[in-house]
Amino acid sequence: MTASHTPSEQPLSPITEDDIANYLLQTPDFFERHAEVLATVQLSSPHGGRAVSLQERQAEMLREKIRALEHKTAELIRHGHDNMAISDKLQGWTFGLLKAVDPGQLPDVLARDLELCFAMPQAAVRVWGVGPAWAERAFAQGCSEDVRSFASSLTQPYCGPNPGLEAAGWLADPASVRSLALIALREEPGAKAFGLLVLGSPDPQRFQVDMGTDFLERIGELASAALSRLRSPA
């Protein structure tokens, strides 16, 4: 006959770490009733591996959290200062465009102030489809159909190396340019381009293929709004 076991005779499951952790969480007064246990708990310190008390380890963890928060706060403050500096530069550049009384001065003012306000080594702009009063100006010359088609094909600014594009030749010293940003000028999103803004730098890292283009897009929108005054009436 096979022997049967009563429930009391069943082997007990070993106590796991999770069981202990759950018990301590559900029994918050355990260490109040057993203060001597808390005082004798020793943990390894991450700084040198020495044994430290539980209270000292908690203090170390708190200091580490404070240091991490201080670094994060400093980083946020730095980003805030950087954003404020960019905002001030953008405002100064926009102010120069608004001050230009003669629309024919806008392309030169736009490119010159970009170089000054943003420490841009080289900047140039070309506009096509301008009114008769501006048709002979330098900014309305030297734009092939290929350049115009390329500008209209851009859905966002081109950033990357200078492969010898025609538009790079508009810059004062194209041979020194290692990276470019090309920004199409449009009267509204999705419209055909009526111009192209070119930014060039001898630093190959200044304009990279994978860089964010949000700021360059804002530059393009403001430049487009200013230079739309040169457009020939429909």
Protein backbone atom coordinates (compact mmCIF):
# COMPACT_ATOMS: atom_id res chain seq x y z
CA MET A 1 0.00 0.00 0.00
CA THR A 2 1.32 3.39 -0.95
CA ALA A 3 1.81 5.71 1.96
CA SER A 4 -0.04 9.00 1.78
CA HIS A 5 1.16 12.31 3.18
CA THR A 6 -0.99 14.75 4.99
CA PRO A 7 -0.63 18.43 4.14
CA SER A 8 1.48 18.92 7.24
CA GLU A 9 3.94 16.35 5.98
CA GLN A 10 4.53 18.06 2.60
CA PRO A 11 8.13 19.34 2.20
CA LEU A 12 8.43 23.10 2.70
CA SER A 13 9.55 25.30 -0.20
CA PRO A 14 12.83 27.09 0.45
CA ILE A 15 12.57 30.77 1.33
CA THR A 16 13.71 32.97 -1.54
CA GLU A 17 15.18 36.46 -1.60
CA ASP A 18 11.87 37.71 -3.02
CA ASP A 19 10.08 36.22 -0.01
CA ILE A 20 12.40 38.09 2.33
CA ALA A 21 12.04 41.35 0.37
CA ASN A 22 8.25 41.08 0.33
CA TYR A 23 8.17 40.34 4.05
CA LEU A 24 10.27 43.41 4.87
CA LEU A 25 8.12 45.59 2.61
CA GLN A 26 4.96 44.34 4.28
CA THR A 27 6.45 44.60 7.77
CA PRO A 28 7.87 48.15 7.98
CA ASP A 29 8.27 47.96 11.77
CA PHE A 30 10.56 44.92 11.61
CA PHE A 31 13.73 46.96 12.11
CA GLU A 32 12.12 48.94 14.88
CA ARG A 33 11.58 45.70 16.77
CA HIS A 34 15.00 44.37 15.77
CA ALA A 35 17.22 47.47 15.79
CA GLU A 36 20.29 45.35 16.53
CA VAL A 37 19.93 43.66 13.11
CA LEU A 38 19.87 46.99 11.28
CA ALA A 39 22.96 48.14 13.12
CA THR A 40 24.96 45.05 12.15
CA VAL A 41 24.06 44.92 8.44
CA GLN A 42 27.19 45.44 6.33
CA LEU A 43 27.21 46.25 2.60
CA SER A 44 29.98 46.58 0.05
CA SER A 45 30.81 50.16 -0.90
CA PRO A 46 31.19 50.86 -4.65
CA HIS A 47 34.19 53.01 -3.71
CA GLY A 48 36.97 50.56 -2.95
CA GLY A 49 34.81 47.57 -2.06
CA ARG A 50 35.11 48.16 1.70
CA ALA A 51 32.29 47.11 4.01
CA VAL A 52 30.02 49.90 5.22
CA SER A 53 26.91 50.08 7.32
CA LEU A 54 23.47 50.22 5.76
CA GLN A 55 23.06 53.84 6.83
CA GLU A 56 26.40 54.81 5.27
CA ARG A 57 25.52 53.00 2.03
CA GLN A 58 22.19 54.84 1.92
CA ALA A 59 24.03 58.13 2.42
CA GLU A 60 26.39 57.27 -0.46
CA MET A 61 23.44 56.47 -2.72
CA LEU A 62 21.79 59.76 -1.78
CA ARG A 63 24.99 61.70 -2.54
CA GLU A 64 25.24 59.97 -5.92
CA LYS A 65 21.66 60.94 -6.74
CA ILE A 66 22.36 64.54 -5.71
CA ARG A 67 25.46 64.66 -7.92
CA ALA A 68 23.49 63.26 -10.87
CA LEU A 69 20.78 65.89 -10.35
CA GLU A 70 23.41 68.63 -10.12
CA HIS A 71 24.96 67.51 -13.43
CA LYS A 72 21.52 67.38 -15.05
CA THR A 73 20.65 70.84 -13.75
CA ALA A 74 23.94 72.26 -15.00
CA GLU A 75 23.30 70.71 -18.40
CA LEU A 76 19.81 72.19 -18.58
CA ILE A 77 21.15 75.63 -17.60
CA ARG A 78 23.85 75.40 -20.27
CA HIS A 79 21.30 74.44 -22.92
CA GLY A 80 19.12 77.32 -21.78
CA HIS A 81 22.01 79.77 -22.15
CA ASP A 82 22.87 78.35 -25.58
CA ASN A 83 19.26 78.67 -26.74
CA MET A 84 19.10 82.24 -25.46
CA ALA A 85 22.31 83.13 -27.31
CA ILE A 86 20.93 81.64 -30.54
CA SER A 87 17.65 83.50 -30.04
CA ASP A 88 19.53 86.79 -29.58
CA LYS A 89 21.56 86.18 -32.74
CA LEU A 90 18.45 85.31 -34.72
CA GLN A 91 16.72 88.45 -33.49
CA GLY A 92 19.72 90.58 -34.47
CA TRP A 93 19.79 89.04 -37.95
CA THR A 94 16.03 89.52 -38.42
CA PHE A 95 16.32 93.12 -37.22
CA GLY A 96 18.86 93.82 -39.96
CA LEU A 97 16.44 92.49 -42.60
CA LEU A 98 13.63 94.66 -41.28
CA LYS A 99 15.83 97.77 -41.38
CA ALA A 100 16.67 97.36 -45.07
CA VAL A 101 14.69 100.07 -46.89
CA ASP A 102 15.80 99.18 -50.42
CA PRO A 103 14.64 95.64 -51.34
CA GLY A 104 17.63 95.38 -53.65
CA GLN A 105 19.91 95.48 -50.59
CA LEU A 106 18.25 92.51 -48.94
CA PRO A 107 20.33 89.68 -50.46
CA ASP A 108 23.61 91.35 -49.49
CA VAL A 109 22.35 92.28 -46.02
CA LEU A 110 20.99 88.78 -45.49
CA ALA A 111 24.25 87.03 -46.40
CA ARG A 112 26.52 89.54 -44.67
CA ASP A 113 24.59 89.48 -41.40
CA LEU A 114 24.46 85.68 -41.41
CA GLU A 115 28.25 85.69 -41.51
CA LEU A 116 28.46 88.29 -38.75
CA CYS A 117 25.72 87.08 -36.39
CA PHE A 118 26.38 83.34 -36.61
CA ALA A 119 30.13 83.31 -37.29
CA MET A 120 29.37 81.80 -40.67
CA PRO A 121 32.55 81.68 -42.78
CA GLN A 122 30.73 82.17 -46.09
CA ALA A 123 27.15 82.82 -47.21
CA ALA A 124 25.57 83.61 -50.57
CA VAL A 125 22.08 83.79 -52.01
CA ARG A 126 20.53 83.78 -55.46
CA VAL A 127 16.96 84.66 -56.39
CA TRP A 128 15.17 84.04 -59.69
CA GLY A 129 11.87 85.23 -61.06
CA VAL A 130 12.55 88.72 -59.72
CA GLY A 131 10.89 91.93 -60.84
CA PRO A 132 12.33 93.96 -63.74
CA ALA A 133 13.98 96.43 -61.34
CA TRP A 134 16.21 93.65 -59.97
CA ALA A 135 16.75 91.47 -63.03
CA GLU A 136 20.28 92.77 -63.67
CA ARG A 137 21.49 92.58 -60.09
CA ALA A 138 24.22 90.07 -59.23
CA PHE A 139 21.92 88.08 -56.94
CA ALA A 140 19.63 87.35 -59.90
CA GLN A 141 22.44 86.03 -62.13
CA GLY A 142 24.16 82.66 -62.53
CA CYS A 143 21.23 80.38 -61.71
CA SER A 144 20.99 77.51 -64.18
CA GLU A 145 17.85 75.44 -64.65
CA ASP A 146 19.62 72.57 -62.92
CA VAL A 147 20.13 74.69 -59.80
CA ARG A 148 16.50 75.82 -59.86
CA SER A 149 15.25 72.26 -60.23
CA PHE A 150 17.56 71.09 -57.47
CA ALA A 151 16.32 73.84 -55.13
CA SER A 152 12.69 72.95 -55.81
CA SER A 153 13.44 69.28 -55.09
CA LEU A 154 14.69 70.02 -51.58
CA THR A 155 12.14 69.09 -48.94
CA GLN A 156 14.57 70.14 -46.21
CA PRO A 157 17.97 71.83 -46.15
CA TYR A 158 20.83 69.86 -47.66
CA CYS A 159 23.72 69.44 -45.24
CA GLY A 160 26.90 67.60 -46.07
CA PRO A 161 30.20 67.69 -47.91
CA ASN A 162 30.90 69.97 -50.84
CA PRO A 163 30.94 67.76 -53.93
CA GLY A 164 31.58 70.72 -56.20
CA LEU A 165 27.96 71.81 -56.63
CA GLU A 166 27.28 74.75 -58.91
CA ALA A 167 25.73 76.70 -56.04
CA ALA A 168 28.97 76.42 -54.04
CA GLY A 169 30.57 78.56 -56.74
CA TRP A 170 28.53 81.54 -55.56
CA LEU A 171 30.61 81.70 -52.38
CA ALA A 172 33.58 84.03 -52.15
CA ASP A 173 36.10 81.21 -51.74
CA PRO A 174 34.46 77.93 -52.83
CA ALA A 175 37.77 76.04 -52.92
CA SER A 176 38.07 76.33 -49.11
CA VAL A 177 34.57 74.97 -48.41
CA ARG A 178 34.49 71.45 -46.94
CA SER A 179 30.84 71.35 -45.85
CA LEU A 180 27.69 73.04 -47.13
CA ALA A 181 24.13 73.86 -46.17
CA LEU A 182 21.73 74.59 -49.04
CA ILE A 183 18.37 76.08 -48.10
CA ALA A 184 15.58 76.47 -50.64
CA LEU A 185 13.59 79.72 -50.56
CA ARG A 186 9.83 79.40 -51.02
CA GLU A 187 6.83 81.66 -50.63
CA GLU A 188 4.97 78.82 -48.89
CA PRO A 189 5.62 75.16 -47.99
CA GLY A 190 5.47 72.87 -51.01
CA ALA A 191 5.76 75.69 -53.56
CA LYS A 192 8.49 75.80 -56.18
CA ALA A 193 11.66 77.43 -54.95
CA PHE A 194 12.36 81.00 -56.05
CA GLY A 195 15.87 81.12 -54.60
CA LEU A 196 18.64 79.27 -52.81
CA LEU A 197 20.66 80.23 -49.74
CA VAL A 198 24.15 78.71 -49.52
CA LEU A 199 26.21 78.45 -46.33
CA GLY A 200 29.76 77.18 -46.50
CA SER A 201 32.46 76.29 -43.99
CA PRO A 202 36.04 74.98 -44.15
CA ASP A 203 35.13 72.73 -41.20
CA PRO A 204 33.91 69.36 -42.57
CA GLN A 205 31.88 68.86 -39.36
CA ARG A 206 30.01 72.18 -39.47
CA PHE A 207 27.24 70.80 -41.71
CA GLN A 208 26.77 67.04 -41.45
CA VAL A 209 24.37 64.77 -43.29
CA ASP A 210 22.71 63.55 -40.10
CA MET A 211 22.45 66.89 -38.30
CA GLY A 212 19.13 68.43 -37.29
CA THR A 213 17.84 71.06 -39.70
CA ASP A 214 15.10 72.76 -37.64
CA PHE A 215 17.12 75.93 -37.12
CA LEU A 216 18.19 76.09 -40.77
CA GLU A 217 14.54 75.73 -41.76
CA ARG A 218 13.65 78.74 -39.59
CA ILE A 219 16.45 80.68 -41.31
CA GLY A 220 15.00 79.67 -44.66
CA GLU A 221 11.49 80.78 -43.70
CA LEU A 222 12.67 84.21 -42.57
CA ALA A 223 14.91 84.63 -45.61
CA SER A 224 12.06 83.61 -47.91
CA ALA A 225 9.69 86.13 -46.31
CA ALA A 226 12.23 88.94 -46.65
CA LEU A 227 13.31 88.14 -50.23
CA SER A 228 9.75 87.65 -51.48
CA ARG A 229 9.71 91.47 -51.90
CA LEU A 230 11.94 90.96 -54.94
CA ARG A 231 9.53 88.66 -56.72
CA SER A 232 7.94 89.65 -60.00
CA PRO A 233 4.17 90.22 -59.64
CA ALA A 234 2.14 87.29 -60.96
